Amino acid sequence: MTRPTLVYLHGFRSSPKSTKASQLVAAVDALPPNSRPALLVPALSWRPVEAMAAIDALAGAHDRSRTTFVGSSLGSILSGSISDFRNKYFSSKRSIQ
């Protein structure tokens, strides 16, 4: 069985190198290897339409039942939007504080 995928979407004008993204990467890395999800932290455009297109392509490339999108700020809104757009096949979580 493939491991689950966790996708972190950063906020507006932020990046995959943000403090929150780095903290999530460190937390996932600290998990035991057999329970560690695949973690994706894509660089998103600050333009919402471009960001959504990239997220949609990413969503289409992964198993719907084993992929969770999480985000911070605008990334949280986009993670909820992709969930709705993809007919609720993905789990969507609220902003990481």
N, C-alpha and C. Protein backbone atom coordinates (compact mmCIF):
# COMPACT_ATOMS: atom_id res chain seq x y z
N MET A 1 0.83 -1.17 0.00
CA MET A 1 0.00 0.00 0.00
C MET A 1 0.88 1.24 0.00
N THR A 2 0.49 2.21 -0.79
CA THR A 2 1.26 3.46 -0.81
C THR A 2 0.95 4.28 0.43
N ARG A 3 1.92 5.03 0.83
CA ARG A 3 1.70 5.87 2.01
C ARG A 3 0.85 7.08 1.65
N PRO A 4 0.20 7.69 2.62
CA PRO A 4 -0.63 8.86 2.33
C PRO A 4 0.24 10.05 1.92
N THR A 5 -0.39 10.99 1.28
CA THR A 5 0.31 12.21 0.85
C THR A 5 -0.28 13.40 1.59
N LEU A 6 0.58 14.25 2.11
CA LEU A 6 0.20 15.48 2.78
C LEU A 6 0.75 16.63 1.94
N VAL A 7 -0.12 17.55 1.54
CA VAL A 7 0.29 18.69 0.73
C VAL A 7 0.07 19.96 1.54
N TYR A 8 1.16 20.69 1.79
CA TYR A 8 1.08 21.95 2.52
C TYR A 8 1.09 23.10 1.52
N LEU A 9 0.07 23.96 1.60
CA LEU A 9 -0.03 25.13 0.71
C LEU A 9 0.27 26.38 1.53
N HIS A 10 1.32 27.08 1.14
CA HIS A 10 1.73 28.27 1.88
C HIS A 10 0.79 29.44 1.60
N GLY A 11 0.96 30.48 2.37
CA GLY A 11 0.10 31.66 2.26
C GLY A 11 0.53 32.62 1.16
N PHE A 12 -0.25 33.69 1.03
CA PHE A 12 -0.03 34.73 0.04
C PHE A 12 1.36 35.34 0.20
N ARG A 13 2.08 35.42 -0.90
CA ARG A 13 3.43 35.99 -0.94
C ARG A 13 4.39 35.30 0.04
N SER A 14 4.12 34.04 0.35
CA SER A 14 5.00 33.26 1.20
C SER A 14 5.72 32.26 0.32
N SER A 15 6.32 31.24 0.91
CA SER A 15 7.07 30.27 0.12
C SER A 15 7.19 28.94 0.86
N PRO A 16 7.69 27.91 0.15
CA PRO A 16 7.93 26.63 0.81
C PRO A 16 9.01 26.70 1.89
N LYS A 17 9.73 27.80 1.96
CA LYS A 17 10.78 27.97 2.96
C LYS A 17 10.31 28.78 4.17
N SER A 18 9.00 29.02 4.27
CA SER A 18 8.46 29.78 5.40
C SER A 18 8.66 29.03 6.71
N THR A 19 8.49 29.74 7.80
CA THR A 19 8.64 29.12 9.13
C THR A 19 7.65 27.98 9.31
N LYS A 20 6.38 28.20 8.96
CA LYS A 20 5.37 27.16 9.14
C LYS A 20 5.67 25.94 8.28
N ALA A 21 6.07 26.16 7.04
CA ALA A 21 6.41 25.03 6.16
C ALA A 21 7.60 24.27 6.74
N SER A 22 8.60 24.99 7.19
CA SER A 22 9.79 24.35 7.76
C SER A 22 9.45 23.55 9.01
N GLN A 23 8.56 24.09 9.84
CA GLN A 23 8.14 23.37 11.04
C GLN A 23 7.38 22.10 10.69
N LEU A 24 6.54 22.16 9.66
CA LEU A 24 5.81 20.97 9.25
C LEU A 24 6.75 19.92 8.68
N VAL A 25 7.71 20.35 7.87
CA VAL A 25 8.70 19.41 7.33
C VAL A 25 9.45 18.73 8.47
N ALA A 26 9.87 19.50 9.47
CA ALA A 26 10.60 18.93 10.61
C ALA A 26 9.73 17.95 11.39
N ALA A 27 8.45 18.29 11.57
CA ALA A 27 7.54 17.40 12.31
C ALA A 27 7.33 16.09 11.56
N VAL A 28 7.16 16.16 10.26
CA VAL A 28 6.98 14.94 9.46
C VAL A 28 8.27 14.12 9.46
N ASP A 29 9.40 14.79 9.33
CA ASP A 29 10.68 14.08 9.36
C ASP A 29 10.93 13.37 10.69
N ALA A 30 10.35 13.88 11.76
CA ALA A 30 10.54 13.29 13.09
C ALA A 30 9.67 12.05 13.31
N LEU A 31 8.71 11.81 12.43
CA LEU A 31 7.85 10.63 12.57
C LEU A 31 8.64 9.37 12.22
N PRO A 32 8.23 8.24 12.79
CA PRO A 32 8.88 6.99 12.39
C PRO A 32 8.69 6.76 10.89
N PRO A 33 9.71 6.27 10.21
CA PRO A 33 9.63 6.12 8.74
C PRO A 33 8.40 5.34 8.26
N ASN A 34 7.96 4.35 9.00
CA ASN A 34 6.82 3.55 8.54
C ASN A 34 5.48 4.26 8.71
N SER A 35 5.45 5.39 9.40
CA SER A 35 4.19 6.14 9.55
C SER A 35 4.29 7.56 8.98
N ARG A 36 5.35 7.82 8.24
CA ARG A 36 5.59 9.15 7.68
C ARG A 36 4.87 9.30 6.34
N PRO A 37 4.01 10.33 6.18
CA PRO A 37 3.38 10.54 4.88
C PRO A 37 4.37 11.15 3.90
N ALA A 38 4.08 11.00 2.63
CA ALA A 38 4.83 11.76 1.63
C ALA A 38 4.41 13.21 1.82
N LEU A 39 5.35 14.12 1.87
CA LEU A 39 5.04 15.53 2.10
C LEU A 39 5.44 16.34 0.88
N LEU A 40 4.49 17.10 0.38
CA LEU A 40 4.74 18.01 -0.74
C LEU A 40 4.50 19.43 -0.26
N VAL A 41 5.45 20.31 -0.57
CA VAL A 41 5.33 21.72 -0.21
C VAL A 41 5.65 22.53 -1.48
N PRO A 42 4.66 22.65 -2.37
CA PRO A 42 4.92 23.32 -3.64
C PRO A 42 5.04 24.84 -3.51
N ALA A 43 5.82 25.42 -4.40
CA ALA A 43 5.89 26.88 -4.51
C ALA A 43 4.70 27.32 -5.34
N LEU A 44 3.88 28.19 -4.78
CA LEU A 44 2.68 28.64 -5.46
C LEU A 44 2.82 30.08 -5.94
N SER A 45 2.19 30.37 -7.05
CA SER A 45 2.13 31.74 -7.55
C SER A 45 1.32 32.60 -6.59
N TRP A 46 1.63 33.86 -6.53
CA TRP A 46 0.82 34.77 -5.71
C TRP A 46 -0.49 35.10 -6.41
N ARG A 47 -0.61 34.71 -7.67
CA ARG A 47 -1.86 34.92 -8.42
C ARG A 47 -2.78 33.72 -8.15
N PRO A 48 -3.93 33.93 -7.51
CA PRO A 48 -4.80 32.81 -7.14
C PRO A 48 -5.19 31.88 -8.29
N VAL A 49 -5.46 32.42 -9.47
CA VAL A 49 -5.86 31.57 -10.60
C VAL A 49 -4.72 30.65 -10.99
N GLU A 50 -3.50 31.16 -11.03
CA GLU A 50 -2.34 30.34 -11.36
C GLU A 50 -2.07 29.32 -10.25
N ALA A 51 -2.21 29.75 -9.01
CA ALA A 51 -1.99 28.83 -7.89
C ALA A 51 -3.01 27.69 -7.94
N MET A 52 -4.28 28.02 -8.19
CA MET A 52 -5.32 26.99 -8.25
C MET A 52 -5.08 26.01 -9.38
N ALA A 53 -4.61 26.49 -10.53
CA ALA A 53 -4.31 25.60 -11.65
C ALA A 53 -3.19 24.62 -11.27
N ALA A 54 -2.17 25.11 -10.60
CA ALA A 54 -1.07 24.25 -10.17
C ALA A 54 -1.54 23.23 -9.13
N ILE A 55 -2.38 23.67 -8.20
CA ILE A 55 -2.90 22.78 -7.17
C ILE A 55 -3.81 21.72 -7.79
N ASP A 56 -4.63 22.13 -8.76
CA ASP A 56 -5.51 21.18 -9.43
C ASP A 56 -4.69 20.10 -10.15
N ALA A 57 -3.61 20.51 -10.82
CA ALA A 57 -2.75 19.54 -11.50
C ALA A 57 -2.11 18.59 -10.48
N LEU A 58 -1.68 19.12 -9.37
CA LEU A 58 -1.10 18.31 -8.30
C LEU A 58 -2.13 17.33 -7.74
N ALA A 59 -3.32 17.83 -7.51
CA ALA A 59 -4.39 16.98 -6.98
C ALA A 59 -4.72 15.84 -7.94
N GLY A 60 -4.72 16.12 -9.21
CA GLY A 60 -5.03 15.11 -10.20
C GLY A 60 -3.98 14.02 -10.31
N ALA A 61 -2.79 14.30 -9.82
CA ALA A 61 -1.68 13.35 -9.93
C ALA A 61 -1.57 12.41 -8.72
N HIS A 62 -2.44 12.58 -7.73
CA HIS A 62 -2.34 11.78 -6.50
C HIS A 62 -3.65 11.09 -6.19
N ASP A 63 -3.54 9.99 -5.46
CA ASP A 63 -4.69 9.19 -5.04
C ASP A 63 -5.63 10.04 -4.17
N ARG A 64 -6.81 10.24 -4.63
CA ARG A 64 -7.78 11.10 -3.93
C ARG A 64 -8.06 10.64 -2.50
N SER A 65 -8.10 9.36 -2.30
CA SER A 65 -8.47 8.84 -0.98
C SER A 65 -7.32 8.88 0.01
N ARG A 66 -6.10 9.18 -0.45
CA ARG A 66 -4.94 9.16 0.44
C ARG A 66 -4.17 10.47 0.43
N THR A 67 -4.84 11.55 0.00
CA THR A 67 -4.18 12.85 -0.08
C THR A 67 -4.93 13.86 0.77
N THR A 68 -4.19 14.59 1.59
CA THR A 68 -4.76 15.63 2.44
C THR A 68 -4.05 16.94 2.14
N PHE A 69 -4.84 17.98 1.90
CA PHE A 69 -4.30 19.32 1.69
C PHE A 69 -4.47 20.11 2.98
N VAL A 70 -3.42 20.77 3.40
CA VAL A 70 -3.46 21.68 4.54
C VAL A 70 -2.82 22.98 4.09
N GLY A 71 -3.11 24.06 4.81
CA GLY A 71 -2.52 25.33 4.39
C GLY A 71 -2.54 26.36 5.48
N SER A 72 -1.91 27.46 5.17
CA SER A 72 -1.85 28.60 6.06
C SER A 72 -2.29 29.83 5.28
N SER A 73 -3.14 30.64 5.88
CA SER A 73 -3.60 31.88 5.25
C SER A 73 -4.28 31.56 3.92
N LEU A 74 -3.81 32.15 2.84
CA LEU A 74 -4.41 31.88 1.53
C LEU A 74 -4.31 30.39 1.18
N GLY A 75 -3.26 29.74 1.62
CA GLY A 75 -3.12 28.30 1.37
C GLY A 75 -4.24 27.50 2.00
N SER A 76 -4.75 27.97 3.13
CA SER A 76 -5.88 27.31 3.77
C SER A 76 -7.14 27.47 2.93
N ILE A 77 -7.35 28.66 2.41
CA ILE A 77 -8.50 28.91 1.54
C ILE A 77 -8.39 28.06 0.28
N LEU A 78 -7.20 27.99 -0.30
CA LEU A 78 -7.01 27.19 -1.51
C LEU A 78 -7.19 25.71 -1.24
N SER A 79 -6.76 25.24 -0.06
CA SER A 79 -6.94 23.81 0.24
C SER A 79 -8.42 23.49 0.36
N GLY A 80 -9.20 24.38 0.94
CA GLY A 80 -10.65 24.18 0.99
C GLY A 80 -11.29 24.26 -0.38
N SER A 81 -10.79 25.17 -1.19
CA SER A 81 -11.34 25.33 -2.55
C SER A 81 -11.08 24.10 -3.41
N ILE A 82 -9.87 23.55 -3.32
CA ILE A 82 -9.59 22.36 -4.14
C ILE A 82 -10.43 21.20 -3.66
N SER A 83 -10.69 21.15 -2.37
CA SER A 83 -11.55 20.10 -1.84
C SER A 83 -12.95 20.21 -2.44
N ASP A 84 -13.50 21.41 -2.45
CA ASP A 84 -14.82 21.61 -3.05
C ASP A 84 -14.79 21.34 -4.55
N PHE A 85 -13.76 21.84 -5.21
CA PHE A 85 -13.64 21.69 -6.65
C PHE A 85 -13.54 20.22 -7.05
N ARG A 86 -12.85 19.46 -6.26
CA ARG A 86 -12.66 18.03 -6.55
C ARG A 86 -13.75 17.18 -5.92
N ASN A 87 -14.92 17.76 -5.71
CA ASN A 87 -16.09 17.04 -5.20
C ASN A 87 -15.86 16.38 -3.86
N LYS A 88 -15.12 17.07 -3.00
CA LYS A 88 -14.91 16.60 -1.63
C LYS A 88 -14.19 15.26 -1.54
N TYR A 89 -13.38 14.93 -2.55
CA TYR A 89 -12.61 13.68 -2.48
C TYR A 89 -11.39 13.81 -1.58
N PHE A 90 -10.99 15.03 -1.30
CA PHE A 90 -9.80 15.25 -0.48
C PHE A 90 -10.19 15.73 0.90
N SER A 91 -9.37 15.39 1.89
CA SER A 91 -9.54 15.96 3.23
C SER A 91 -9.01 17.38 3.20
N SER A 92 -9.64 18.26 3.89
CA SER A 92 -9.17 19.65 3.96
C SER A 92 -9.12 20.06 5.43
N LYS A 93 -8.01 20.61 5.83
CA LYS A 93 -7.83 21.01 7.22
C LYS A 93 -7.74 22.52 7.30
N ARG A 94 -7.95 23.04 8.47
CA ARG A 94 -7.87 24.47 8.69
C ARG A 94 -6.43 24.91 8.84
N SER A 95 -6.25 26.19 8.89
CA SER A 95 -4.93 26.81 8.97
C SER A 95 -4.09 26.29 10.15
N ILE A 96 -2.82 26.05 9.89
CA ILE A 96 -1.88 25.66 10.94
C ILE A 96 -1.47 26.92 11.68
N GLN A 97 -1.56 26.90 12.98
CA GLN A 97 -1.21 28.09 13.79
C GLN A 97 0.13 27.90 14.43
